[in-house]
Amino acid sequence: MKRTALSTVCLILILTAQAWAQGQISTALPEANKDSKFSAEWRLRLSGSDVHDEQSQSKIVDIRTEIKAKYLLSNTLHLDIQPSLRLQSGQTQSVDGADKPENKISLSQAAAHYLPVQSLRLSAGALNQKYMHTGLLMDPIAFPAARVEGVLKSNEFKTSLAVESAIPTSTSLSTNTKELEPTPSLNSASLKLHWQSAKNLYWKNSVGYFIYNNLPSAVAQQSRLLGNEVNKISDAQYVFTSEYQGMEASSELQFPLMSALDLTIGADYLINHKGPADQNTAYRYFTNGEFHLSKNLDLIVEGSYFSVAPEAAVAYFNAAGFETNRIGYSAESSLSFKKEGFNIGIKYTDAEVMFSNSIQSREKTLLIKLETFYASI
C-alpha cells in the first residue's frame, strides 16, 4: 500500500511539472494553420483508486492518454477519431475476479460525419453513447452505430432530434455473442433543447427512448455480478429476467450566483417499462459550485445523490458509473490551474445495496486524479 501511494505521488509530481512546461511552451508556439485539414489534441490523466466492500478490495494506479483527432475530407464530410491508451498497475482481491488491472487501447469514438445541409448530420462508425444517453443508462463507451440528427438553431436556442441504431458491444467492440445467438441491438431516439445566453448561463434538457433486443448470454452473466436479475439456463447460458425498453431524461442549469461563483444544478431520470414496478427506475440529483479564486485558479465542489434499481438498466453497460441495485452519494472537489493547464482533485463515493443479495455489498471508493487540459498536437 505504501509503495502504491508513493508511486502515485511521484507520478502526480512528474505530470504536474510536465503540464506546467507544456502550458509555458504552448504560449510561445504560433497558431495552427486554419486551412489545415487535420487537427488533433491530447491530454494525460493519472488516477489512483481505492475500492473496497465486504467481499473484495482493489488499489489501482491508472494512467491514460486520450487523443481527439479530426480530418476534413471535404466541407460536408469529416472523420472523428478518439483513441485512448490505458495502463494500469495495482492489486485486486475479489470472489469473481472482477476489476483486475488491465492495459489496453480502446476507442472513445471512430466515426464519419456527413452534413449534406446545415440542419442535418449523418454519422456512422463506433459512436460514443454519451451523446445519446444519460450516465444512468450507459457509460461513455463506443458502439458500432448509425445516427441521423436534425438540428434547428435560433439565436440563443438550439433544438435537435436524433435517431440511432447501434450494436451494444464491449469496450473491445466485441458483441459477446456465442454460436447461434442473434446479433444484439440498441435502438434509441433523443430530443434535446438547449438554451445558452453566456458561457456560464445555460439550460440543457433532453428526453429519450431506448429499446434493447437480443442481449447475449455473456452480457447477462456479467450483469448478474453487477446488480441485474438473471435466470441460469445451464452452466454456460444465462438470460435476463426482464427486457429493457424505456425512457430517460436529463436537465442541467448553470447560472452565475455572484461574480466569483457559478452554480450548476441538475437531475437525471430513467425508467425501464419492461421491469417490475418496484425495481425499474433510476435517478440522480447533483449540484456543482465553481469558485473563481483568481484569474488562474478555480475551485470546483460537486455533490450528488443517486438511486439505480436492479432492473432499471443493463448493469454491464453502466457499471463504470453506477452499476444497478445501488443507492448512495458522491462528493468531489478539485482545483483547476488554468495557466498551467491541469486539474487535480479527489472524489469519494459510498454506494449501498438496495435489495440484499449474496454478490453485492456496500462499496466505498476513494479516487485521486490529475488530468491535463487538452492541448494541440
Protein backbone atom coordinates (compact mmCIF):
# COMPACT_ATOMS: atom_id res chain seq x y z
CA MET A 1 0.00 0.00 0.00
CA LYS A 2 2.79 2.43 0.91
CA ARG A 3 4.64 1.60 -2.31
CA THR A 4 1.48 2.20 -4.39
CA ALA A 5 0.81 5.51 -2.65
CA LEU A 6 4.42 6.65 -3.14
CA SER A 7 4.27 5.72 -6.84
CA THR A 8 1.05 7.70 -7.24
CA VAL A 9 2.52 10.82 -5.59
CA CYS A 10 5.68 10.64 -7.73
CA LEU A 11 3.71 10.28 -10.93
CA ILE A 12 1.46 13.21 -10.00
CA LEU A 13 4.50 15.42 -9.38
CA ILE A 14 6.04 14.39 -12.71
CA LEU A 15 2.85 15.07 -14.67
CA THR A 16 2.34 18.37 -12.85
CA ALA A 17 5.76 19.56 -13.96
CA GLN A 18 5.14 18.30 -17.49
CA ALA A 19 1.75 20.03 -17.69
CA TRP A 20 3.28 23.29 -16.43
CA ALA A 21 6.04 23.10 -19.03
CA GLN A 22 3.51 22.28 -21.71
CA GLY A 23 1.47 25.35 -20.78
CA GLN A 24 4.56 27.56 -20.98
CA ILE A 25 5.60 26.18 -24.36
CA SER A 26 2.13 26.45 -25.88
CA THR A 27 2.05 30.21 -25.25
CA ALA A 28 5.13 30.64 -27.41
CA LEU A 29 4.01 28.49 -30.34
CA PRO A 30 2.35 30.14 -33.34
CA GLU A 31 -1.30 29.47 -34.06
CA ALA A 32 -2.11 26.40 -36.12
CA ASN A 33 -2.82 26.84 -39.78
CA LYS A 34 -6.55 27.47 -40.04
CA ASP A 35 -6.61 25.97 -43.54
CA SER A 36 -5.23 22.64 -42.32
CA LYS A 37 -7.49 19.65 -42.93
CA PHE A 38 -6.13 17.77 -39.92
CA SER A 39 -6.35 18.82 -36.27
CA ALA A 40 -5.69 16.88 -33.10
CA GLU A 41 -5.42 17.42 -29.36
CA TRP A 42 -4.46 15.22 -26.46
CA ARG A 43 -4.37 15.02 -22.69
CA LEU A 44 -2.92 12.88 -19.90
CA ARG A 45 -4.89 11.53 -16.97
CA LEU A 46 -3.44 9.93 -13.85
CA SER A 47 -5.57 8.49 -11.07
CA GLY A 48 -5.22 6.31 -8.01
CA SER A 49 -8.30 4.48 -6.68
CA ASP A 50 -9.06 2.52 -3.53
CA VAL A 51 -12.27 0.45 -3.76
CA HIS A 52 -13.44 -1.91 -1.06
CA ASP A 53 -16.52 -3.72 0.20
CA GLU A 54 -17.17 -6.77 2.36
CA GLN A 55 -16.13 -9.24 -0.35
CA SER A 56 -13.41 -7.51 -2.34
CA GLN A 57 -10.90 -4.67 -2.47
CA SER A 58 -8.68 -3.10 -5.09
CA LYS A 59 -5.94 -0.48 -5.22
CA ILE A 60 -5.11 0.61 -8.76
CA VAL A 61 -2.99 3.31 -10.39
CA ASP A 62 -4.37 4.27 -13.80
CA ILE A 63 -2.52 6.27 -16.49
CA ARG A 64 -4.37 7.28 -19.67
CA THR A 65 -3.50 9.15 -22.81
CA GLU A 66 -6.55 10.41 -24.70
CA ILE A 67 -6.50 11.83 -28.23
CA LYS A 68 -9.14 13.67 -30.25
CA ALA A 69 -8.34 13.88 -33.96
CA LYS A 70 -10.37 15.29 -36.87
CA TYR A 71 -9.73 15.19 -40.58
CA LEU A 72 -11.79 17.25 -43.05
CA LEU A 73 -12.28 15.23 -46.21
CA SER A 74 -14.49 18.00 -47.62
CA ASN A 75 -16.72 20.83 -46.43
CA THR A 76 -19.50 18.34 -45.73
CA LEU A 77 -17.60 15.21 -44.63
CA HIS A 78 -15.11 14.75 -41.79
CA LEU A 79 -13.60 11.94 -39.75
CA ASP A 80 -13.60 11.93 -35.93
CA ILE A 81 -11.13 9.54 -34.24
CA GLN A 82 -10.70 9.39 -30.46
CA PRO A 83 -8.36 6.60 -29.30
CA SER A 84 -7.27 6.06 -25.71
CA LEU A 85 -4.29 4.20 -24.22
CA ARG A 86 -4.75 2.90 -20.66
CA LEU A 87 -2.04 1.49 -18.42
CA GLN A 88 -2.98 0.09 -15.01
CA SER A 89 -0.99 -1.26 -12.10
CA GLY A 90 -2.09 -2.46 -8.68
CA GLN A 91 -3.78 -5.33 -6.90
CA THR A 92 -7.31 -6.66 -6.53
CA GLN A 93 -8.88 -9.28 -4.30
CA SER A 94 -12.39 -10.38 -5.25
CA VAL A 95 -14.52 -13.50 -5.33
CA ASP A 96 -15.39 -13.17 -9.03
CA GLY A 97 -12.02 -11.83 -10.19
CA ALA A 98 -13.52 -8.61 -11.50
CA ASP A 99 -11.79 -5.21 -11.72
CA LYS A 100 -8.35 -6.66 -12.38
CA PRO A 101 -5.72 -4.16 -13.66
CA GLU A 102 -5.78 -4.10 -17.45
CA ASN A 103 -3.61 -2.45 -20.11
CA LYS A 104 -5.33 -1.78 -23.41
CA ILE A 105 -6.02 0.54 -26.32
CA SER A 106 -9.67 1.47 -26.83
CA LEU A 107 -11.77 3.83 -28.93
CA SER A 108 -13.98 6.51 -27.41
CA GLN A 109 -15.18 7.24 -30.93
CA ALA A 110 -14.24 6.46 -34.52
CA ALA A 111 -16.83 7.96 -36.84
CA ALA A 112 -17.53 9.67 -40.12
CA HIS A 113 -19.91 12.67 -40.07
CA TYR A 114 -21.68 13.87 -43.20
CA LEU A 115 -23.52 17.21 -43.29
CA PRO A 116 -25.39 17.49 -46.62
CA VAL A 117 -27.17 20.61 -45.31
CA GLN A 118 -26.62 22.81 -42.28
CA SER A 119 -29.54 21.34 -40.32
CA LEU A 120 -28.83 17.65 -40.96
CA ARG A 121 -25.99 15.39 -39.83
CA LEU A 122 -25.47 11.72 -40.65
CA SER A 123 -22.96 9.76 -38.51
CA ALA A 124 -21.67 6.20 -38.75
CA GLY A 125 -18.92 4.17 -37.11
CA ALA A 126 -18.07 3.49 -33.48
CA LEU A 127 -20.20 6.22 -31.87
CA ASN A 128 -19.80 7.29 -28.24
CA GLN A 129 -23.07 6.58 -26.41
CA LYS A 130 -22.68 9.52 -24.02
CA TYR A 131 -24.06 11.73 -26.81
CA MET A 132 -27.42 9.92 -26.83
CA HIS A 133 -27.84 8.64 -23.28
CA THR A 134 -27.55 9.61 -19.62
CA GLY A 135 -24.91 8.09 -17.36
CA LEU A 136 -27.65 6.14 -15.56
CA LEU A 137 -28.22 4.02 -18.66
CA MET A 138 -24.83 3.99 -20.32
CA ASP A 139 -21.13 4.56 -19.72
CA PRO A 140 -19.35 6.78 -22.29
CA ILE A 141 -18.37 3.83 -24.49
CA ALA A 142 -18.45 3.41 -28.27
CA PHE A 143 -20.89 1.10 -30.07
CA PRO A 144 -20.94 0.34 -33.82
CA ALA A 145 -23.86 2.53 -34.86
CA ALA A 146 -25.55 4.77 -37.42
CA ARG A 147 -27.22 8.04 -36.43
CA VAL A 148 -29.40 10.65 -38.14
CA GLU A 149 -29.74 14.05 -36.44
CA GLY A 150 -31.69 17.14 -37.35
CA VAL A 151 -30.70 20.48 -35.79
CA LEU A 152 -32.50 23.83 -35.60
CA LYS A 153 -30.81 26.96 -34.28
CA SER A 154 -32.39 30.32 -33.45
CA ASN A 155 -30.41 32.97 -31.59
CA GLU A 156 -29.81 31.53 -28.09
CA PHE A 157 -31.82 28.34 -28.68
CA LYS A 158 -30.77 25.02 -30.21
CA THR A 159 -33.07 22.05 -30.76
CA SER A 160 -32.03 18.64 -32.08
CA LEU A 161 -33.72 15.32 -32.75
CA ALA A 162 -31.53 12.23 -33.20
CA VAL A 163 -32.37 8.63 -34.07
CA GLU A 164 -29.74 5.88 -33.71
CA SER A 165 -29.40 2.16 -34.28
CA ALA A 166 -26.44 0.50 -32.55
CA ILE A 167 -24.94 -2.89 -31.75
CA PRO A 168 -24.20 -2.96 -27.98
CA THR A 169 -20.69 -4.28 -27.51
CA SER A 170 -17.86 -4.43 -25.02
CA THR A 171 -15.11 -1.80 -25.00
CA SER A 172 -13.23 -4.02 -27.46
CA LEU A 173 -16.21 -3.73 -29.86
CA SER A 174 -17.00 -7.44 -29.42
CA THR A 175 -20.69 -8.38 -29.34
CA ASN A 176 -20.01 -11.17 -26.79
CA THR A 177 -22.39 -13.45 -28.70
CA LYS A 178 -21.99 -17.20 -28.74
CA GLU A 179 -22.76 -19.60 -31.57
CA LEU A 180 -26.36 -19.37 -32.81
CA GLU A 181 -27.09 -16.26 -30.72
CA PRO A 182 -28.66 -13.40 -32.76
CA THR A 183 -26.90 -10.06 -33.05
CA PRO A 184 -27.92 -7.71 -30.21
CA SER A 185 -29.26 -4.23 -30.94
CA LEU A 186 -29.97 -0.92 -29.22
CA ASN A 187 -32.39 1.43 -30.96
CA SER A 188 -32.89 4.87 -29.47
CA ALA A 189 -34.17 8.38 -30.10
CA SER A 190 -33.29 11.60 -28.30
CA LEU A 191 -34.79 15.11 -28.30
CA LYS A 192 -32.56 17.90 -26.94
CA LEU A 193 -33.43 21.50 -26.06
CA HIS A 194 -30.53 23.84 -25.30
CA TRP A 195 -30.64 27.50 -24.32
CA GLN A 196 -27.42 29.43 -23.73
CA SER A 197 -27.09 33.17 -23.12
CA ALA A 198 -23.47 33.21 -21.90
CA LYS A 199 -20.65 30.78 -21.21
CA ASN A 200 -21.80 30.38 -17.60
CA LEU A 201 -25.54 30.81 -18.21
CA TYR A 202 -27.31 27.90 -19.92
CA TRP A 203 -30.08 25.34 -19.58
CA LYS A 204 -29.77 21.89 -21.20
CA ASN A 205 -32.65 19.43 -21.42
CA SER A 206 -33.06 16.05 -23.09
CA VAL A 207 -35.59 13.24 -23.26
CA GLY A 208 -35.04 9.91 -24.97
CA TYR A 209 -36.37 6.43 -25.66
CA PHE A 210 -34.41 3.18 -25.90
CA ILE A 211 -35.02 -0.48 -26.81
CA TYR A 212 -32.55 -3.35 -26.25
CA ASN A 213 -33.01 -6.56 -28.23
CA ASN A 214 -31.28 -9.97 -28.18
CA LEU A 215 -28.82 -9.26 -25.38
CA PRO A 216 -26.37 -12.20 -25.30
CA SER A 217 -25.80 -14.70 -22.51
CA ALA A 218 -22.31 -13.32 -21.73
CA VAL A 219 -23.76 -9.86 -21.03
CA ALA A 220 -26.42 -11.40 -18.75
CA GLN A 221 -23.76 -13.38 -16.88
CA GLN A 222 -21.61 -10.31 -16.25
CA SER A 223 -24.65 -8.18 -15.34
CA ARG A 224 -25.61 -10.70 -12.67
CA LEU A 225 -22.41 -9.79 -10.80
CA LEU A 226 -23.28 -6.08 -11.09
CA GLY A 227 -26.88 -5.98 -9.84
CA ASN A 228 -29.26 -7.37 -12.50
CA GLU A 229 -31.55 -10.35 -12.01
CA VAL A 230 -30.90 -13.20 -14.46
CA ASN A 231 -32.01 -16.81 -14.93
CA LYS A 232 -29.47 -19.59 -15.31
CA ILE A 233 -30.39 -21.93 -18.17
CA SER A 234 -27.22 -24.02 -17.98
CA ASP A 235 -23.66 -23.72 -16.70
CA ALA A 236 -22.79 -21.58 -19.72
CA GLN A 237 -26.09 -19.85 -20.51
CA TYR A 238 -27.89 -17.01 -18.75
CA VAL A 239 -30.85 -14.86 -19.71
CA PHE A 240 -32.19 -11.61 -18.23
CA THR A 241 -35.41 -11.91 -16.25
CA SER A 242 -36.57 -8.57 -17.68
CA GLU A 243 -36.35 -6.93 -21.07
CA TYR A 244 -35.02 -3.38 -21.31
CA GLN A 245 -37.16 -0.75 -23.02
CA GLY A 246 -37.97 2.65 -21.59
CA MET A 247 -37.38 6.37 -21.29
CA GLU A 248 -34.67 8.63 -19.91
CA ALA A 249 -34.49 12.37 -19.27
CA SER A 250 -31.99 14.92 -18.01
CA SER A 251 -31.86 18.60 -17.14
CA GLU A 252 -28.92 20.84 -16.25
CA LEU A 253 -28.97 24.54 -15.37
CA GLN A 254 -25.92 26.74 -14.81
CA PHE A 255 -26.02 30.38 -13.71
CA PRO A 256 -23.72 32.91 -12.01
CA LEU A 257 -24.70 33.28 -8.38
CA MET A 258 -22.16 36.07 -7.93
CA SER A 259 -19.09 37.28 -9.80
CA ALA A 260 -16.85 34.70 -8.14
CA LEU A 261 -19.26 31.73 -8.18
CA ASP A 262 -21.04 29.79 -10.92
CA LEU A 263 -23.66 27.31 -9.70
CA THR A 264 -24.90 24.24 -11.56
CA ILE A 265 -27.89 22.09 -10.59
CA GLY A 266 -29.29 19.12 -12.46
CA ALA A 267 -31.05 15.78 -12.46
CA ASP A 268 -31.21 12.56 -14.50
CA TYR A 269 -34.10 10.08 -14.62
CA LEU A 270 -34.54 6.62 -16.13
CA ILE A 271 -37.39 4.09 -16.25
CA ASN A 272 -37.47 0.62 -17.78
CA HIS A 273 -41.09 -0.07 -18.76
CA LYS A 274 -40.41 -3.83 -19.01
CA GLY A 275 -39.11 -4.21 -15.44
CA PRO A 276 -41.07 -4.80 -12.20
CA ALA A 277 -42.70 -1.62 -10.89
CA ASP A 278 -40.63 -1.51 -7.69
CA GLN A 279 -37.30 -2.26 -9.44
CA ASN A 280 -37.33 -0.36 -12.74
CA THR A 281 -36.36 3.28 -12.04
CA ALA A 282 -33.16 5.24 -11.52
CA TYR A 283 -32.44 8.87 -10.74
CA ARG A 284 -29.61 11.21 -9.82
CA TYR A 285 -29.59 14.74 -8.39
CA PHE A 286 -26.43 16.82 -8.43
CA THR A 287 -25.13 20.30 -7.70
CA ASN A 288 -21.83 21.89 -8.61
CA GLY A 289 -20.17 25.10 -7.42
CA GLU A 290 -17.31 26.65 -9.38
CA PHE A 291 -15.46 29.22 -7.26
CA HIS A 292 -13.18 31.60 -9.16
CA LEU A 293 -10.44 32.16 -6.60
CA SER A 294 -8.28 34.09 -9.07
CA LYS A 295 -7.81 34.51 -12.81
CA ASN A 296 -5.64 31.41 -12.78
CA LEU A 297 -7.31 29.22 -10.16
CA ASP A 298 -10.79 27.71 -9.79
CA LEU A 299 -12.14 25.53 -7.00
CA ILE A 300 -14.87 23.09 -8.06
CA VAL A 301 -17.04 21.35 -5.47
CA GLU A 302 -19.69 18.83 -6.51
CA GLY A 303 -22.12 16.56 -4.70
CA SER A 304 -24.66 14.05 -5.99
CA TYR A 305 -27.22 11.55 -4.75
CA PHE A 306 -28.24 8.54 -6.86
CA SER A 307 -30.52 5.52 -6.85
CA VAL A 308 -30.38 2.81 -9.54
CA ALA A 309 -32.85 -0.06 -9.08
CA PRO A 310 -31.88 -3.63 -10.12
CA GLU A 311 -33.87 -3.69 -13.39
CA ALA A 312 -33.53 -0.04 -14.46
CA ALA A 313 -30.58 -0.57 -16.81
CA VAL A 314 -28.25 -3.23 -18.20
CA ALA A 315 -25.58 -3.29 -15.49
CA TYR A 316 -22.81 -4.47 -17.83
CA PHE A 317 -23.07 -1.21 -19.78
CA ASN A 318 -23.37 1.28 -16.87
CA ALA A 319 -21.04 -0.37 -14.34
CA ALA A 320 -18.21 2.17 -14.63
CA GLY A 321 -20.51 4.90 -13.38
CA PHE A 322 -23.13 3.31 -11.13
CA GLU A 323 -23.95 -0.43 -11.51
CA THR A 324 -27.54 -1.36 -10.65
CA ASN A 325 -29.13 -2.23 -7.29
CA ARG A 326 -27.22 0.69 -5.80
CA ILE A 327 -28.20 3.76 -3.79
CA GLY A 328 -25.73 6.29 -2.44
CA TYR A 329 -23.91 9.57 -2.83
CA SER A 330 -20.65 11.02 -4.07
CA ALA A 331 -18.65 14.12 -3.14
CA GLU A 332 -15.90 15.60 -5.28
CA SER A 333 -13.53 18.56 -5.05
CA SER A 334 -10.87 19.72 -7.48
CA LEU A 335 -8.57 22.64 -8.28
CA SER A 336 -8.24 23.89 -11.86
CA PHE A 337 -4.97 25.65 -12.74
CA LYS A 338 -5.83 27.50 -15.95
CA LYS A 339 -2.43 28.91 -16.84
CA GLU A 340 -0.55 25.69 -16.16
CA GLY A 341 -3.27 23.64 -17.86
CA PHE A 342 -4.28 20.88 -15.43
CA ASN A 343 -6.83 19.82 -12.81
CA ILE A 344 -6.17 17.90 -9.60
CA GLY A 345 -8.95 16.52 -7.43
CA ILE A 346 -10.38 13.90 -5.11
CA LYS A 347 -13.70 12.02 -5.17
CA TYR A 348 -15.44 9.82 -2.61
CA THR A 349 -18.40 7.55 -3.40
CA ASP A 350 -20.47 5.49 -0.97
CA ALA A 351 -22.87 3.03 -2.68
CA GLU A 352 -25.16 0.84 -0.57
CA VAL A 353 -27.13 -2.17 -1.86
CA MET A 354 -30.87 -1.57 -2.40
CA PHE A 355 -32.01 -5.21 -2.31
CA SER A 356 -29.73 -7.62 -0.45
CA ASN A 357 -28.12 -10.48 -2.37
CA SER A 358 -25.13 -12.80 -1.99
CA ILE A 359 -22.99 -10.99 -4.57
CA GLN A 360 -23.15 -7.27 -3.80
CA SER A 361 -22.39 -5.34 -0.62
CA ARG A 362 -21.82 -1.75 0.43
CA GLU A 363 -18.98 -0.28 -1.64
CA LYS A 364 -16.75 2.69 -0.81
CA THR A 365 -14.49 4.29 -3.40
CA LEU A 366 -11.78 6.91 -2.97
CA LEU A 367 -10.30 8.37 -6.17
CA ILE A 368 -7.43 10.85 -6.54
CA LYS A 369 -6.81 12.18 -10.04
CA LEU A 370 -4.73 14.60 -12.06
CA GLU A 371 -5.56 15.44 -15.66
CA THR A 372 -4.15 17.96 -18.09
CA PHE A 373 -6.24 20.16 -20.34
CA TYR A 374 -6.47 19.14 -23.97
CA ALA A 375 -3.52 20.57 -25.93
CA SER A 376 -3.00 20.72 -29.69
CA ILE A 377 -0.66 18.21 -31.25
